[in-house]
Protein backbone atom coordinates (compact mmCIF):
# COMPACT_ATOMS: atom_id res chain seq x y z
CA MET A 1 51.61 4.90 8.64
CA GLN A 2 48.72 5.12 6.21
CA ASN A 3 47.18 8.58 5.95
CA SER A 4 44.23 9.98 4.04
CA PHE A 5 44.79 13.07 1.85
CA VAL A 6 42.03 15.32 0.49
CA TYR A 7 42.79 18.23 -1.84
CA ASP A 8 39.85 20.68 -2.16
CA GLY A 9 37.43 17.92 -1.23
CA VAL A 10 38.84 15.39 -3.71
CA PRO A 11 40.78 12.34 -2.44
CA ALA A 12 44.39 12.77 -3.55
CA LYS A 13 46.30 9.70 -2.49
CA ASP A 14 48.11 6.91 -4.22
CA PRO A 15 46.05 3.78 -3.40
CA ASP A 16 49.16 1.59 -3.30
CA SER A 17 51.36 3.60 -0.93
CA TYR A 18 48.79 5.87 0.78
CA ASN A 19 51.05 8.84 0.04
CA PHE A 20 50.06 12.12 -1.58
CA ALA A 21 49.61 11.42 -5.30
CA PHE A 22 51.00 14.86 -6.16
CA SER A 23 52.62 17.74 -4.32
CA PRO A 24 50.60 20.97 -4.37
CA PRO A 25 52.60 24.19 -4.72
CA LEU A 26 53.16 25.74 -1.27
CA ASP A 27 52.12 29.22 -2.44
CA ALA A 28 48.76 27.84 -3.63
CA ILE A 29 47.78 26.37 -0.24
CA GLY A 30 45.35 28.58 1.65
CA GLN A 31 44.87 26.34 4.67
CA PHE A 32 45.31 22.77 5.80
CA ARG A 33 44.09 20.68 8.69
CA VAL A 34 45.52 17.45 10.10
CA GLN A 35 43.22 15.27 12.19
CA THR A 36 44.60 12.41 14.25
CA ASN A 37 42.85 10.06 16.67
CA THR A 38 39.59 11.98 16.47
CA SER A 39 38.88 11.68 12.74
CA PRO A 40 35.17 11.25 12.05
CA SER A 41 34.10 8.06 10.30
CA ALA A 42 33.34 10.11 7.17
CA TYR A 43 37.11 10.31 6.62
CA GLY A 44 37.55 6.54 6.71
CA GLY A 45 39.74 4.56 4.38
CA ALA A 46 43.08 4.91 6.13
CA PRO A 47 43.99 4.13 9.73
CA GLY A 48 46.39 7.09 10.11
CA ALA A 49 45.83 10.84 10.04
CA HIS A 50 43.45 12.72 7.77
CA VAL A 51 45.07 15.67 5.93
CA ASP A 52 42.67 18.20 4.38
CA VAL A 53 44.24 20.82 2.05
CA ALA A 54 42.36 23.83 0.62
CA THR A 55 43.75 26.08 -2.12
CA LYS A 56 43.73 29.85 -2.07
CA SER A 57 41.08 31.82 -3.85
CA GLY A 58 40.97 35.33 -5.19
CA THR A 59 39.68 38.35 -3.27
CA ASN A 60 38.31 41.79 -4.13
CA ALA A 61 41.89 43.12 -4.29
CA PHE A 62 44.68 41.98 -6.58
CA HIS A 63 47.52 40.14 -4.79
CA GLY A 64 50.53 38.39 -6.23
CA THR A 65 53.92 36.91 -5.48
CA LEU A 66 57.04 36.44 -7.60
CA TRP A 67 59.97 34.36 -6.29
CA GLU A 68 63.18 32.57 -7.27
CA PHE A 69 65.58 30.16 -5.57
CA ASN A 70 69.10 29.78 -6.98
CA ARG A 71 71.81 27.31 -5.99
CA ASN A 72 75.10 27.15 -7.83
CA ASP A 73 78.62 25.82 -7.44
CA ALA A 74 80.16 29.12 -6.26
CA LEU A 75 79.92 28.11 -2.57
CA ALA A 76 79.99 24.33 -3.01
CA ALA A 77 82.87 22.13 -1.89
CA ARG A 78 84.55 19.69 -4.23
CA ASN A 79 84.16 15.93 -3.86
CA TYR A 80 86.97 14.30 -1.83
CA PHE A 81 87.95 12.08 -4.78
CA SER A 82 87.77 14.83 -7.41
CA THR A 83 90.33 17.44 -8.41
CA THR A 84 87.69 19.92 -9.60
CA LYS A 85 84.18 20.89 -8.59
CA PRO A 86 81.46 19.57 -10.89
CA ARG A 87 79.16 22.18 -12.36
CA LEU A 88 75.89 22.82 -10.53
CA ASN A 89 73.27 25.44 -11.32
CA ARG A 90 69.75 24.96 -9.99
CA ASN A 91 66.97 27.52 -10.42
CA GLN A 92 63.44 27.21 -9.08
CA PHE A 93 61.03 30.05 -9.74
CA GLY A 94 57.35 30.81 -9.66
CA ALA A 95 54.56 33.35 -9.45
CA ASN A 96 50.96 33.58 -8.39
CA LEU A 97 48.20 36.11 -8.87
CA GLY A 98 44.70 36.38 -7.47
CA GLY A 99 41.96 38.96 -7.74
CA PRO A 100 38.40 39.76 -8.76
CA ILE A 101 36.73 39.01 -12.05
CA ARG A 102 33.42 40.46 -10.85
CA LYS A 103 33.54 42.32 -7.53
CA ASN A 104 31.99 40.42 -4.57
CA ALA A 105 30.94 37.57 -6.88
CA LEU A 106 33.63 35.91 -9.00
CA PHE A 107 37.36 35.56 -8.25
CA PHE A 108 40.44 33.92 -9.75
CA PHE A 109 43.74 32.54 -8.44
CA VAL A 110 46.59 31.28 -10.63
CA ASN A 111 49.86 29.68 -9.51
CA TRP A 112 52.85 28.69 -11.66
CA GLU A 113 56.16 27.05 -10.71
CA SER A 114 59.07 25.76 -12.75
CA GLY A 115 62.68 24.75 -12.40
CA ARG A 116 65.90 24.19 -14.30
CA GLN A 117 69.00 22.27 -13.28
CA VAL A 118 72.40 21.87 -14.93
CA GLN A 119 74.63 19.41 -13.13
CA GLY A 120 78.00 17.86 -13.88
CA THR A 121 79.27 14.54 -12.56
CA THR A 122 82.57 13.34 -11.21
CA GLY A 123 83.94 10.22 -12.87
């Protein structure tokens, strides 16, 4: 199905596949809305759903998040055809911070994500 994606008011779709051209970080999404069947004609351009994504913004108080996801070979099973388990270590981590620059007038929000993966193969 061909859907329309808008990210902070800017169309964000790949014109060839009608898929999201990029994946926004989940912690940076403040709200989203999916409209099906009743999409106004202003959202034309794709016969499927209209997905509208808005990012978070700062507030008068400082708020932040720090997170990490780790997957390694300690609890993994070995391949049926292998005598040993190949090495696997995957880390995903990120942080975000939002707050005031000028109280009741100007705010900021910053999000950062990264990842590392070390993986062996069975031959």
